[in-house]
Amino acid sequence: MTINEKQDEIIEEFDLFDDQLDKTQYIIDLGKKLPPLPEHLHVDANLIPGCQSKVWLNSELKADAVHFEADAEPTAQISRGLVSLLIRVLSDQKPDEVANANLYFIDRIGLSNLVTSRRAGGMASMIQRMKSFAKENAL
């Protein structure tokens, strides 16, 4: 699936919820499903600055696509859910597509109404790290 197809799929999923509490719970549920990052990747170089809690993001180039995996503190289920959405959209895509992606799903699902300004800042830092890595590896 393309980045836009993945975004459209997420928008459809969030459209099933009428209330913000249900959307928040869905984000938490996504966070619970995020596979753990191997402990040896929980290093300072992978920490995302500006996050409300500790979030580690590992980036790799695999077969001409960027691959992302992440983790957060066990109590940071919302942060885990947010990073899982970004991974779902951007991971395993071509670097130039990630670098130039318009992440419209964030506004369309009303994420700014669901998270605190600190979490929104952390999410912006996650996006910046992912796009920077993609730009560095674009062909």
C-alpha atoms as a PDB file:
ATOM      1  CA  MET A   1       0.000   0.000   0.000  1.00  0.00           C
ATOM      2  CA  THR A   2       1.108   3.542  -0.679  1.00  0.00           C
ATOM      3  CA  ILE A   3       1.491   6.158   2.044  1.00  0.00           C
ATOM      4  CA  ASN A   4      -1.768   7.810   0.990  1.00  0.00           C
ATOM      5  CA  GLU A   5      -3.636   4.498   0.912  1.00  0.00           C
ATOM      6  CA  LYS A   6      -2.461   3.784   4.444  1.00  0.00           C
ATOM      7  CA  GLN A   7      -3.518   7.246   5.578  1.00  0.00           C
ATOM      8  CA  ASP A   8      -6.948   6.815   3.995  1.00  0.00           C
ATOM      9  CA  GLU A   9      -7.341   3.470   5.772  1.00  0.00           C
ATOM     10  CA  ILE A  10      -6.542   5.092   9.140  1.00  0.00           C
ATOM     11  CA  ILE A  11      -9.025   7.897   8.441  1.00  0.00           C
ATOM     12  CA  GLU A  12     -11.732   5.305   7.732  1.00  0.00           C
ATOM     13  CA  GLU A  13     -10.925   3.505  10.983  1.00  0.00           C
ATOM     14  CA  PHE A  14     -11.166   6.708  13.032  1.00  0.00           C
ATOM     15  CA  ASP A  15     -14.414   7.685  11.268  1.00  0.00           C
ATOM     16  CA  LEU A  16     -16.029   4.708  13.031  1.00  0.00           C
ATOM     17  CA  PHE A  17     -15.728   6.549  16.356  1.00  0.00           C
ATOM     18  CA  ASP A  18     -18.121   9.333  17.269  1.00  0.00           C
ATOM     19  CA  ASP A  19     -16.476  10.497  20.420  1.00  0.00           C
ATOM     20  CA  GLN A  20     -12.985  11.612  21.319  1.00  0.00           C
ATOM     21  CA  LEU A  21     -12.710   9.210  24.245  1.00  0.00           C
ATOM     22  CA  ASP A  22     -13.259   6.288  21.866  1.00  0.00           C
ATOM     23  CA  LYS A  23     -10.585   7.650  19.527  1.00  0.00           C
ATOM     24  CA  THR A  24      -8.180   8.063  22.429  1.00  0.00           C
ATOM     25  CA  GLN A  25      -8.881   4.520  23.585  1.00  0.00           C
ATOM     26  CA  TYR A  26      -8.193   3.283  20.044  1.00  0.00           C
ATOM     27  CA  ILE A  27      -4.814   5.053  20.081  1.00  0.00           C
ATOM     28  CA  ILE A  28      -4.054   3.396  23.427  1.00  0.00           C
ATOM     29  CA  ASP A  29      -5.055   0.018  22.003  1.00  0.00           C
ATOM     30  CA  LEU A  30      -2.720   0.572  19.036  1.00  0.00           C
ATOM     31  CA  GLY A  31       0.063   1.364  21.495  1.00  0.00           C
ATOM     32  CA  LYS A  32      -0.524  -1.904  23.320  1.00  0.00           C
ATOM     33  CA  LYS A  33      -0.092  -3.786  20.023  1.00  0.00           C
ATOM     34  CA  LEU A  34       3.215  -2.110  19.107  1.00  0.00           C
ATOM     35  CA  PRO A  35       5.910  -4.800  19.118  1.00  0.00           C
ATOM     36  CA  PRO A  36       8.639  -4.082  21.667  1.00  0.00           C
ATOM     37  CA  LEU A  37      11.914  -2.675  20.430  1.00  0.00           C
ATOM     38  CA  PRO A  38      14.875  -4.902  21.276  1.00  0.00           C
ATOM     39  CA  GLU A  39      16.526  -3.660  24.459  1.00  0.00           C
ATOM     40  CA  HIS A  40      19.874  -3.018  22.721  1.00  0.00           C
ATOM     41  CA  LEU A  41      18.129  -0.317  20.619  1.00  0.00           C
ATOM     42  CA  HIS A  42      16.979   1.605  23.725  1.00  0.00           C
ATOM     43  CA  VAL A  43      19.925   3.980  23.413  1.00  0.00           C
ATOM     44  CA  ASP A  44      20.173   7.755  23.669  1.00  0.00           C
ATOM     45  CA  ALA A  45      20.811   8.095  19.933  1.00  0.00           C
ATOM     46  CA  ASN A  46      17.331   6.646  19.290  1.00  0.00           C
ATOM     47  CA  LEU A  47      15.528   8.841  21.834  1.00  0.00           C
ATOM     48  CA  ILE A  48      13.097  11.358  20.367  1.00  0.00           C
ATOM     49  CA  PRO A  49      13.566  14.829  21.888  1.00  0.00           C
ATOM     50  CA  GLY A  50      10.506  16.755  22.981  1.00  0.00           C
ATOM     51  CA  CYS A  51       8.352  13.779  23.858  1.00  0.00           C
ATOM     52  CA  GLN A  52       6.388  13.769  27.086  1.00  0.00           C
ATOM     53  CA  SER A  53       7.782  10.311  27.833  1.00  0.00           C
ATOM     54  CA  LYS A  54      10.780   8.383  26.567  1.00  0.00           C
ATOM     55  CA  VAL A  55      10.272   7.224  22.981  1.00  0.00           C
ATOM     56  CA  TRP A  56      12.948   5.358  21.037  1.00  0.00           C
ATOM     57  CA  LEU A  57      12.841   5.239  17.235  1.00  0.00           C
ATOM     58  CA  ASN A  58      15.153   2.989  15.257  1.00  0.00           C
ATOM     59  CA  SER A  59      15.553   3.678  11.538  1.00  0.00           C
ATOM     60  CA  GLU A  60      17.091   1.389   8.940  1.00  0.00           C
ATOM     61  CA  LEU A  61      17.324   1.102   5.190  1.00  0.00           C
ATOM     62  CA  LYS A  62      16.150  -2.335   4.052  1.00  0.00           C
ATOM     63  CA  ALA A  63      15.894  -3.309   0.390  1.00  0.00           C
ATOM     64  CA  ASP A  64      15.626   0.309  -0.836  1.00  0.00           C
ATOM     65  CA  ALA A  65      12.918   1.144   1.709  1.00  0.00           C
ATOM     66  CA  VAL A  66      13.086   2.864   5.066  1.00  0.00           C
ATOM     67  CA  HIS A  67      12.078   0.698   7.984  1.00  0.00           C
ATOM     68  CA  PHE A  68      11.086   2.092  11.341  1.00  0.00           C
ATOM     69  CA  GLU A  69      10.513   0.437  14.670  1.00  0.00           C
ATOM     70  CA  ALA A  70       9.892   2.127  17.969  1.00  0.00           C
ATOM     71  CA  ASP A  71       9.098   1.742  21.612  1.00  0.00           C
ATOM     72  CA  ALA A  72       8.149   3.926  24.548  1.00  0.00           C
ATOM     73  CA  GLU A  73       8.022   3.594  28.282  1.00  0.00           C
ATOM     74  CA  PRO A  74       5.470   0.926  29.293  1.00  0.00           C
ATOM     75  CA  THR A  75       3.189   3.528  30.878  1.00  0.00           C
ATOM     76  CA  ALA A  76       3.207   5.736  27.755  1.00  0.00           C
ATOM     77  CA  GLN A  77       0.459   3.978  25.820  1.00  0.00           C
ATOM     78  CA  ILE A  78      -0.683   7.118  23.983  1.00  0.00           C
ATOM     79  CA  SER A  79       2.872   7.848  22.822  1.00  0.00           C
ATOM     80  CA  ARG A  80       3.180   4.206  21.758  1.00  0.00           C
ATOM     81  CA  GLY A  81      -0.074   4.525  19.822  1.00  0.00           C
ATOM     82  CA  LEU A  82       1.004   7.720  18.094  1.00  0.00           C
ATOM     83  CA  VAL A  83       4.336   6.290  16.985  1.00  0.00           C
ATOM     84  CA  SER A  84       2.597   3.100  15.839  1.00  0.00           C
ATOM     85  CA  LEU A  85       0.397   5.199  13.521  1.00  0.00           C
ATOM     86  CA  LEU A  86       3.463   6.895  12.044  1.00  0.00           C
ATOM     87  CA  ILE A  87       5.235   3.576  11.582  1.00  0.00           C
ATOM     88  CA  ARG A  88       2.172   2.117   9.910  1.00  0.00           C
ATOM     89  CA  VAL A  89       2.088   4.975   7.400  1.00  0.00           C
ATOM     90  CA  LEU A  90       5.802   5.545   6.743  1.00  0.00           C
ATOM     91  CA  SER A  91       7.663   2.295   7.356  1.00  0.00           C
ATOM     92  CA  ASP A  92       8.732   0.128   4.435  1.00  0.00           C
ATOM     93  CA  GLN A  93       8.271   2.904   1.896  1.00  0.00           C
ATOM     94  CA  LYS A  94      10.806   4.418  -0.498  1.00  0.00           C
ATOM     95  CA  PRO A  95      12.937   7.126   1.131  1.00  0.00           C
ATOM     96  CA  ASP A  96      11.898   9.891  -1.278  1.00  0.00           C
ATOM     97  CA  GLU A  97       8.210   9.096  -0.686  1.00  0.00           C
ATOM     98  CA  VAL A  98       8.669   9.306   3.101  1.00  0.00           C
ATOM     99  CA  ALA A  99      10.724  12.494   2.854  1.00  0.00           C
ATOM    100  CA  ASN A 100       8.020  14.192   0.784  1.00  0.00           C
ATOM    101  CA  ALA A 101       4.955  12.687   2.454  1.00  0.00           C
ATOM    102  CA  ASN A 102       2.050  14.966   3.273  1.00  0.00           C
ATOM    103  CA  LEU A 103       0.718  13.431   6.477  1.00  0.00           C
ATOM    104  CA  TYR A 104      -2.843  14.670   6.090  1.00  0.00           C
ATOM    105  CA  PHE A 105      -4.312  11.894   8.226  1.00  0.00           C
ATOM    106  CA  ILE A 106      -3.171  13.714  11.388  1.00  0.00           C
ATOM    107  CA  ASP A 107      -5.592  16.591  10.804  1.00  0.00           C
ATOM    108  CA  ARG A 108      -8.319  14.455   9.259  1.00  0.00           C
ATOM    109  CA  ILE A 109      -8.632  12.209  12.324  1.00  0.00           C
ATOM    110  CA  GLY A 110      -8.552  15.225  14.641  1.00  0.00           C
ATOM    111  CA  LEU A 111      -5.369  14.239  16.392  1.00  0.00           C
ATOM    112  CA  SER A 112      -4.694  17.797  17.542  1.00  0.00           C
ATOM    113  CA  ASN A 113      -7.903  17.603  19.588  1.00  0.00           C
ATOM    114  CA  LEU A 114      -6.921  14.269  21.122  1.00  0.00           C
ATOM    115  CA  VAL A 115      -3.425  14.926  22.434  1.00  0.00           C
ATOM    116  CA  THR A 116      -1.767  17.525  24.617  1.00  0.00           C
ATOM    117  CA  SER A 117       0.490  20.145  23.090  1.00  0.00           C
ATOM    118  CA  ARG A 118       3.507  18.318  24.561  1.00  0.00           C
ATOM    119  CA  ARG A 119       2.489  15.070  22.888  1.00  0.00           C
ATOM    120  CA  ALA A 120       1.853  16.947  19.644  1.00  0.00           C
ATOM    121  CA  GLY A 121       5.376  18.391  19.901  1.00  0.00           C
ATOM    122  CA  GLY A 122       6.770  14.919  20.484  1.00  0.00           C
ATOM    123  CA  MET A 123       4.894  13.612  17.466  1.00  0.00           C
ATOM    124  CA  ALA A 124       6.305  16.455  15.349  1.00  0.00           C
ATOM    125  CA  SER A 125       9.782  15.416  16.519  1.00  0.00           C
ATOM    126  CA  MET A 126       9.052  11.804  15.531  1.00  0.00           C
ATOM    127  CA  ILE A 127       7.953  12.919  12.065  1.00  0.00           C
ATOM    128  CA  GLN A 128      11.020  15.127  11.696  1.00  0.00           C
ATOM    129  CA  ARG A 129      13.345  12.240  12.655  1.00  0.00           C
ATOM    130  CA  MET A 130      11.628   9.856  10.217  1.00  0.00           C
ATOM    131  CA  LYS A 131      11.671  12.331   7.345  1.00  0.00           C
ATOM    132  CA  SER A 132      15.283  13.340   8.027  1.00  0.00           C
ATOM    133  CA  PHE A 133      16.381   9.720   7.909  1.00  0.00           C
ATOM    134  CA  ALA A 134      14.462   9.242   4.667  1.00  0.00           C
ATOM    135  CA  LYS A 135      16.049  12.362   3.118  1.00  0.00           C
ATOM    136  CA  GLU A 136      19.526  11.119   4.055  1.00  0.00           C
ATOM    137  CA  ASN A 137      18.803   7.855   2.233  1.00  0.00           C
ATOM    138  CA  ALA A 138      16.857   9.131  -0.762  1.00  0.00           C
ATOM    139  CA  LEU A 139      18.237   8.041  -4.109  1.00  0.00           C
END
